[in-house]
Structure formats: structure tokens, C-alpha cells
Amino acid sequence: MPLKPSDPLLASGKILTVLLMALAGIVTVVMVVLIPVILFDHSDFILEATQAKGTNTGQIKAASIVVLFLAAIATAFAFQFFRLLKQIIDTVSDDVPFTMANAARIRRMGWLALLFQLASFPIALLANYLDNEGPSANISTDFGFSLTGYLLALVLFILARVFRHGAQMRDDLEGTV
């Protein structure tokens, strides 16, 4: 069933979710493509690293590759998160939000939010190392501990239980009719 024309919140939520999925997918692909570029086309990278701060080119190269790899994983988590959110929005627009499938989706979204937060620690450490030792000056990162991210995961786990309970009540009600 298509989105109800009278519900602009669901329509805008679905549009925004699709756009965020596309952005996360593009960023993930770009990061994955950059890994072999740094790995195999090292002439410019090593030249820039040695001119910048010294002789740690092997470590700088390895740290750059690991940052790209971990960031690609984190953006893939974001893509999955928004894909699950889009599926939930679809069920809300179909007037059947309290399902076991949605409870499972919300629980997975909680795990993805938690994994995203955990991935931010090594990314922040390596980005800080690259800022101090690497060829690029002034790398700005906003990774690290975020209480908001952990609270989001907690809220999603609680909502998953609420949805599971709502789905059970809905099933019980349908069984009595």
C-alpha cells in the first residue's frame, strides 16, 4: 500500500531515509575503493608522508588503510540502520507496525548503533595518530565517546521489547476474535 497522502511525516521520513542510505552507500564504496589506491599506488602517498613529518611511512600507510577499512564498516552499519528504518516506516504506512519483524528490526538497529559507537574508538585513535604523524595536517574527527550514541542503542533495545510485546498482544487479540 503506498504512503498515505495525508501523512507528510512518513513521506518525508521515507525520503530522508532513502537519501541517507544512498549517502552511506556512496561513502562506503569510496572508502573501499581508496584502500587499494593507498595500498598499491604508494608513490605519491610515501612522497607526501616523508616530506610532511618523517620516516614512518609504513605505519602511516597501515594506519590510513585501517582507518578507511573501519570507517567503511561503520558507514555500512549506517546503511543497514537506515535500511531497517525504511522497512519500519513502510510497515507504519501500511498500518501494521506492531509485528515481530519490526521488533527484530529495532533490536538489530540497537546492535548497529552500539557497534557504530564501538567502531569509533579505534578510528579516533588512528585518526589522532595520523593527525600527529601523517602527511595531512589538521585532520578533524568527531569520533570518540558519545553518550548519545549509547543512549540511542539503549532506547532501541527497549523499543524492541515494546514492539515485541505489542505484537504479542496484537496476535492474542486476533486469536480471540
C-alpha atoms as a PDB file:
ATOM      1  CA  MET A   1       0.000   0.000   0.000  1.00  0.00           C
ATOM      2  CA  PRO A   2       1.502   3.389  -0.891  1.00  0.00           C
ATOM      3  CA  LEU A   3       2.140   6.115   1.630  1.00  0.00           C
ATOM      4  CA  LYS A   4      -0.951   7.965   2.720  1.00  0.00           C
ATOM      5  CA  PRO A   5      -1.014  11.411   1.133  1.00  0.00           C
ATOM      6  CA  SER A   6      -2.270  12.870   4.417  1.00  0.00           C
ATOM      7  CA  ASP A   7       0.861  11.867   6.342  1.00  0.00           C
ATOM      8  CA  PRO A   8       3.761  14.128   5.355  1.00  0.00           C
ATOM      9  CA  LEU A   9       5.847  12.893   8.302  1.00  0.00           C
ATOM     10  CA  LEU A  10       6.010   9.349   6.932  1.00  0.00           C
ATOM     11  CA  ALA A  11       6.659  10.581   3.384  1.00  0.00           C
ATOM     12  CA  SER A  12       9.467  12.912   4.468  1.00  0.00           C
ATOM     13  CA  GLY A  13      10.897  10.231   6.763  1.00  0.00           C
ATOM     14  CA  LYS A  14      10.983   7.741   3.920  1.00  0.00           C
ATOM     15  CA  ILE A  15      12.610  10.251   1.537  1.00  0.00           C
ATOM     16  CA  LEU A  16      15.229  11.242   4.116  1.00  0.00           C
ATOM     17  CA  THR A  17      15.936   7.613   4.954  1.00  0.00           C
ATOM     18  CA  VAL A  18      16.472   6.718   1.288  1.00  0.00           C
ATOM     19  CA  LEU A  19      18.801   9.711   0.864  1.00  0.00           C
ATOM     20  CA  LEU A  20      20.808   8.712   3.936  1.00  0.00           C
ATOM     21  CA  MET A  21      21.033   5.140   2.658  1.00  0.00           C
ATOM     22  CA  ALA A  22      22.376   6.434  -0.656  1.00  0.00           C
ATOM     23  CA  LEU A  23      24.897   8.684   1.088  1.00  0.00           C
ATOM     24  CA  ALA A  24      26.099   5.892   3.385  1.00  0.00           C
ATOM     25  CA  GLY A  25      26.381   3.522   0.408  1.00  0.00           C
ATOM     26  CA  ILE A  26      28.391   6.012  -1.645  1.00  0.00           C
ATOM     27  CA  VAL A  27      30.742   6.820   1.244  1.00  0.00           C
ATOM     28  CA  THR A  28      31.265   3.111   1.927  1.00  0.00           C
ATOM     29  CA  VAL A  29      32.137   2.418  -1.711  1.00  0.00           C
ATOM     30  CA  VAL A  30      34.526   5.386  -1.887  1.00  0.00           C
ATOM     31  CA  MET A  31      36.373   4.228   1.231  1.00  0.00           C
ATOM     32  CA  VAL A  32      36.643   0.668  -0.026  1.00  0.00           C
ATOM     33  CA  VAL A  33      37.989   1.921  -3.375  1.00  0.00           C
ATOM     34  CA  LEU A  34      40.574   4.116  -1.620  1.00  0.00           C
ATOM     35  CA  ILE A  35      42.095   1.165   0.244  1.00  0.00           C
ATOM     36  CA  PRO A  36      43.765  -0.439  -2.817  1.00  0.00           C
ATOM     37  CA  VAL A  37      44.693   3.018  -4.109  1.00  0.00           C
ATOM     38  CA  ILE A  38      46.737   3.669  -0.959  1.00  0.00           C
ATOM     39  CA  LEU A  39      47.946   0.077  -0.843  1.00  0.00           C
ATOM     40  CA  PHE A  40      49.230  -0.189  -4.417  1.00  0.00           C
ATOM     41  CA  ASP A  41      49.797   3.369  -5.649  1.00  0.00           C
ATOM     42  CA  HIS A  42      52.108   4.438  -2.900  1.00  0.00           C
ATOM     43  CA  SER A  43      54.477   6.740  -4.770  1.00  0.00           C
ATOM     44  CA  ASP A  44      52.556   9.962  -4.062  1.00  0.00           C
ATOM     45  CA  PHE A  45      51.493   8.822  -0.613  1.00  0.00           C
ATOM     46  CA  ILE A  46      55.030   7.948   0.529  1.00  0.00           C
ATOM     47  CA  LEU A  47      56.476  11.122  -1.009  1.00  0.00           C
ATOM     48  CA  GLU A  48      53.914  13.271   0.773  1.00  0.00           C
ATOM     49  CA  ALA A  49      54.376  11.402   4.063  1.00  0.00           C
ATOM     50  CA  THR A  50      58.157  11.721   4.028  1.00  0.00           C
ATOM     51  CA  GLN A  51      58.006  15.407   3.158  1.00  0.00           C
ATOM     52  CA  ALA A  52      55.470  16.013   5.894  1.00  0.00           C
ATOM     53  CA  LYS A  53      56.954  14.625   9.073  1.00  0.00           C
ATOM     54  CA  GLY A  54      59.476  11.896   8.660  1.00  0.00           C
ATOM     55  CA  THR A  55      60.125   8.258   8.081  1.00  0.00           C
ATOM     56  CA  ASN A  56      57.052   6.488   9.491  1.00  0.00           C
ATOM     57  CA  THR A  57      55.613   5.922   6.030  1.00  0.00           C
ATOM     58  CA  GLY A  58      54.852   2.237   6.579  1.00  0.00           C
ATOM     59  CA  GLN A  59      52.978   2.935   9.793  1.00  0.00           C
ATOM     60  CA  ILE A  60      51.196   5.933   8.265  1.00  0.00           C
ATOM     61  CA  LYS A  61      50.134   3.834   5.287  1.00  0.00           C
ATOM     62  CA  ALA A  62      48.918   0.976   7.511  1.00  0.00           C
ATOM     63  CA  ALA A  63      47.034   3.368   9.807  1.00  0.00           C
ATOM     64  CA  SER A  64      45.393   5.050   6.805  1.00  0.00           C
ATOM     65  CA  ILE A  65      44.245   1.709   5.414  1.00  0.00           C
ATOM     66  CA  VAL A  66      42.883   0.569   8.786  1.00  0.00           C
ATOM     67  CA  VAL A  67      41.023   3.885   9.253  1.00  0.00           C
ATOM     68  CA  LEU A  68      39.459   3.538   5.805  1.00  0.00           C
ATOM     69  CA  PHE A  69      38.524  -0.090   6.472  1.00  0.00           C
ATOM     70  CA  LEU A  70      36.946   0.639   9.866  1.00  0.00           C
ATOM     71  CA  ALA A  71      35.173   3.737   8.544  1.00  0.00           C
ATOM     72  CA  ALA A  72      33.808   1.682   5.631  1.00  0.00           C
ATOM     73  CA  ILE A  73      32.459  -0.842   8.129  1.00  0.00           C
ATOM     74  CA  ALA A  74      30.913   1.966  10.206  1.00  0.00           C
ATOM     75  CA  THR A  75      29.209   3.511   7.170  1.00  0.00           C
ATOM     76  CA  ALA A  76      27.998   0.050   6.121  1.00  0.00           C
ATOM     77  CA  PHE A  77      26.431  -0.190   9.612  1.00  0.00           C
ATOM     78  CA  ALA A  78      24.788   3.184   8.966  1.00  0.00           C
ATOM     79  CA  PHE A  79      23.441   1.929   5.626  1.00  0.00           C
ATOM     80  CA  GLN A  80      21.939  -1.139   7.327  1.00  0.00           C
ATOM     81  CA  PHE A  81      20.494   1.025  10.101  1.00  0.00           C
ATOM     82  CA  PHE A  82      18.671   3.258   7.611  1.00  0.00           C
ATOM     83  CA  ARG A  83      17.545   0.264   5.541  1.00  0.00           C
ATOM     84  CA  LEU A  84      15.893  -1.212   8.627  1.00  0.00           C
ATOM     85  CA  LEU A  85      14.350   2.155   9.485  1.00  0.00           C
ATOM     86  CA  LYS A  86      12.893   2.386   5.964  1.00  0.00           C
ATOM     87  CA  GLN A  87      11.337  -1.065   6.370  1.00  0.00           C
ATOM     88  CA  ILE A  88       9.760   0.036   9.651  1.00  0.00           C
ATOM     89  CA  ILE A  89       8.419   3.209   8.034  1.00  0.00           C
ATOM     90  CA  ASP A  90       6.882   1.045   5.313  1.00  0.00           C
ATOM     91  CA  THR A  91       5.029  -1.050   7.899  1.00  0.00           C
ATOM     92  CA  VAL A  92       3.809   2.064   9.705  1.00  0.00           C
ATOM     93  CA  SER A  93       2.442   3.425   6.440  1.00  0.00           C
ATOM     94  CA  ASP A  94       0.669   0.070   5.938  1.00  0.00           C
ATOM     95  CA  ASP A  95      -0.892   0.397   9.423  1.00  0.00           C
ATOM     96  CA  VAL A  96       0.816  -2.746  10.776  1.00  0.00           C
ATOM     97  CA  PRO A  97       3.761  -1.512  12.874  1.00  0.00           C
ATOM     98  CA  PHE A  98       3.469  -3.906  15.821  1.00  0.00           C
ATOM     99  CA  THR A  99       4.965  -7.036  14.318  1.00  0.00           C
ATOM    100  CA  MET A 100       7.661  -9.420  15.444  1.00  0.00           C
ATOM    101  CA  ALA A 101       9.602  -8.455  12.315  1.00  0.00           C
ATOM    102  CA  ASN A 102       9.669  -4.811  13.419  1.00  0.00           C
ATOM    103  CA  ALA A 103      10.712  -5.825  16.936  1.00  0.00           C
ATOM    104  CA  ALA A 104      13.620  -7.750  15.393  1.00  0.00           C
ATOM    105  CA  ARG A 105      14.465  -4.790  13.128  1.00  0.00           C
ATOM    106  CA  ILE A 106      14.568  -2.388  16.054  1.00  0.00           C
ATOM    107  CA  ARG A 107      16.739  -4.806  18.062  1.00  0.00           C
ATOM    108  CA  ARG A 108      19.159  -5.036  15.087  1.00  0.00           C
ATOM    109  CA  MET A 109      19.156  -1.230  14.866  1.00  0.00           C
ATOM    110  CA  GLY A 110      20.187  -1.160  18.547  1.00  0.00           C
ATOM    111  CA  TRP A 111      23.085  -3.522  17.858  1.00  0.00           C
ATOM    112  CA  LEU A 112      24.120  -1.467  14.824  1.00  0.00           C
ATOM    113  CA  ALA A 113      24.064   1.753  16.876  1.00  0.00           C
ATOM    114  CA  LEU A 114      26.194   0.079  19.546  1.00  0.00           C
ATOM    115  CA  LEU A 115      28.656  -1.359  17.002  1.00  0.00           C
ATOM    116  CA  PHE A 116      28.935   2.047  15.330  1.00  0.00           C
ATOM    117  CA  GLN A 117      29.891   3.581  18.683  1.00  0.00           C
ATOM    118  CA  LEU A 118      32.435   0.837  19.377  1.00  0.00           C
ATOM    119  CA  ALA A 119      33.998   1.277  15.924  1.00  0.00           C
ATOM    120  CA  SER A 120      34.501   4.965  16.607  1.00  0.00           C
ATOM    121  CA  PHE A 121      37.178   4.352  19.272  1.00  0.00           C
ATOM    122  CA  PRO A 122      39.883   2.791  17.074  1.00  0.00           C
ATOM    123  CA  ILE A 123      39.011   5.206  14.262  1.00  0.00           C
ATOM    124  CA  ALA A 124      39.529   8.158  16.613  1.00  0.00           C
ATOM    125  CA  LEU A 125      42.832   6.772  17.910  1.00  0.00           C
ATOM    126  CA  LEU A 126      44.187   6.158  14.422  1.00  0.00           C
ATOM    127  CA  ALA A 127      42.924   9.494  13.109  1.00  0.00           C
ATOM    128  CA  ASN A 128      44.677  11.213  16.004  1.00  0.00           C
ATOM    129  CA  TYR A 129      47.873   9.322  15.143  1.00  0.00           C
ATOM    130  CA  LEU A 130      47.562  10.375  11.503  1.00  0.00           C
ATOM    131  CA  ASP A 131      46.965  13.968  12.551  1.00  0.00           C
ATOM    132  CA  ASN A 132      50.203  13.931  14.532  1.00  0.00           C
ATOM    133  CA  GLU A 133      52.350  11.800  12.219  1.00  0.00           C
ATOM    134  CA  GLY A 134      50.705  11.744   8.796  1.00  0.00           C
ATOM    135  CA  PRO A 135      51.021  13.872   5.699  1.00  0.00           C
ATOM    136  CA  SER A 136      47.760  15.729   6.167  1.00  0.00           C
ATOM    137  CA  ALA A 137      47.695  18.465   8.721  1.00  0.00           C
ATOM    138  CA  ASN A 138      44.625  19.299  10.755  1.00  0.00           C
ATOM    139  CA  ILE A 139      42.595  16.124  10.354  1.00  0.00           C
ATOM    140  CA  SER A 140      39.358  16.815  12.145  1.00  0.00           C
ATOM    141  CA  THR A 141      37.462  13.899  13.631  1.00  0.00           C
ATOM    142  CA  ASP A 142      34.321  13.814  15.642  1.00  0.00           C
ATOM    143  CA  PHE A 143      34.676  10.208  16.698  1.00  0.00           C
ATOM    144  CA  GLY A 144      35.062   9.061  20.241  1.00  0.00           C
ATOM    145  CA  PHE A 145      32.844   8.505  23.223  1.00  0.00           C
ATOM    146  CA  SER A 146      29.295   9.667  22.649  1.00  0.00           C
ATOM    147  CA  LEU A 147      26.821   9.146  25.433  1.00  0.00           C
ATOM    148  CA  THR A 148      24.056   9.959  22.952  1.00  0.00           C
ATOM    149  CA  GLY A 149      25.000   7.008  20.747  1.00  0.00           C
ATOM    150  CA  TYR A 150      24.896   4.585  23.670  1.00  0.00           C
ATOM    151  CA  LEU A 151      21.590   6.039  24.838  1.00  0.00           C
ATOM    152  CA  LEU A 152      20.211   5.574  21.319  1.00  0.00           C
ATOM    153  CA  ALA A 153      21.187   1.901  21.447  1.00  0.00           C
ATOM    154  CA  LEU A 154      19.565   1.530  24.878  1.00  0.00           C
ATOM    155  CA  VAL A 155      16.345   3.211  23.723  1.00  0.00           C
ATOM    156  CA  LEU A 156      16.230   0.984  20.638  1.00  0.00           C
ATOM    157  CA  PHE A 157      16.636  -2.175  22.734  1.00  0.00           C
ATOM    158  CA  ILE A 158      13.787  -1.020  24.991  1.00  0.00           C
ATOM    159  CA  LEU A 159      11.606  -0.121  21.990  1.00  0.00           C
ATOM    160  CA  ALA A 160      12.277  -3.557  20.519  1.00  0.00           C
ATOM    161  CA  ARG A 161      10.793  -5.094  23.672  1.00  0.00           C
ATOM    162  CA  VAL A 162       7.818  -2.727  23.488  1.00  0.00           C
ATOM    163  CA  PHE A 163       7.200  -3.713  19.865  1.00  0.00           C
ATOM    164  CA  ARG A 164       7.582  -7.410  20.667  1.00  0.00           C
ATOM    165  CA  HIS A 165       5.066  -7.056  23.496  1.00  0.00           C
ATOM    166  CA  GLY A 166       2.720  -5.053  21.219  1.00  0.00           C
ATOM    167  CA  ALA A 167       2.989  -7.732  18.536  1.00  0.00           C
ATOM    168  CA  GLN A 168       2.176 -10.454  21.081  1.00  0.00           C
ATOM    169  CA  MET A 169      -0.853  -8.502  22.303  1.00  0.00           C
ATOM    170  CA  ARG A 170      -1.975  -7.967  18.703  1.00  0.00           C
ATOM    171  CA  ASP A 171      -1.630 -11.697  17.973  1.00  0.00           C
ATOM    172  CA  ASP A 172      -3.563 -12.566  21.158  1.00  0.00           C
ATOM    173  CA  LEU A 173      -6.328 -10.126  20.231  1.00  0.00           C
ATOM    174  CA  GLU A 174      -6.614 -11.548  16.721  1.00  0.00           C
ATOM    175  CA  GLY A 175      -6.759 -15.042  18.205  1.00  0.00           C
ATOM    176  CA  THR A 176      -9.734 -14.161  20.391  1.00  0.00           C
ATOM    177  CA  VAL A 177     -11.823 -12.609  17.629  1.00  0.00           C
END
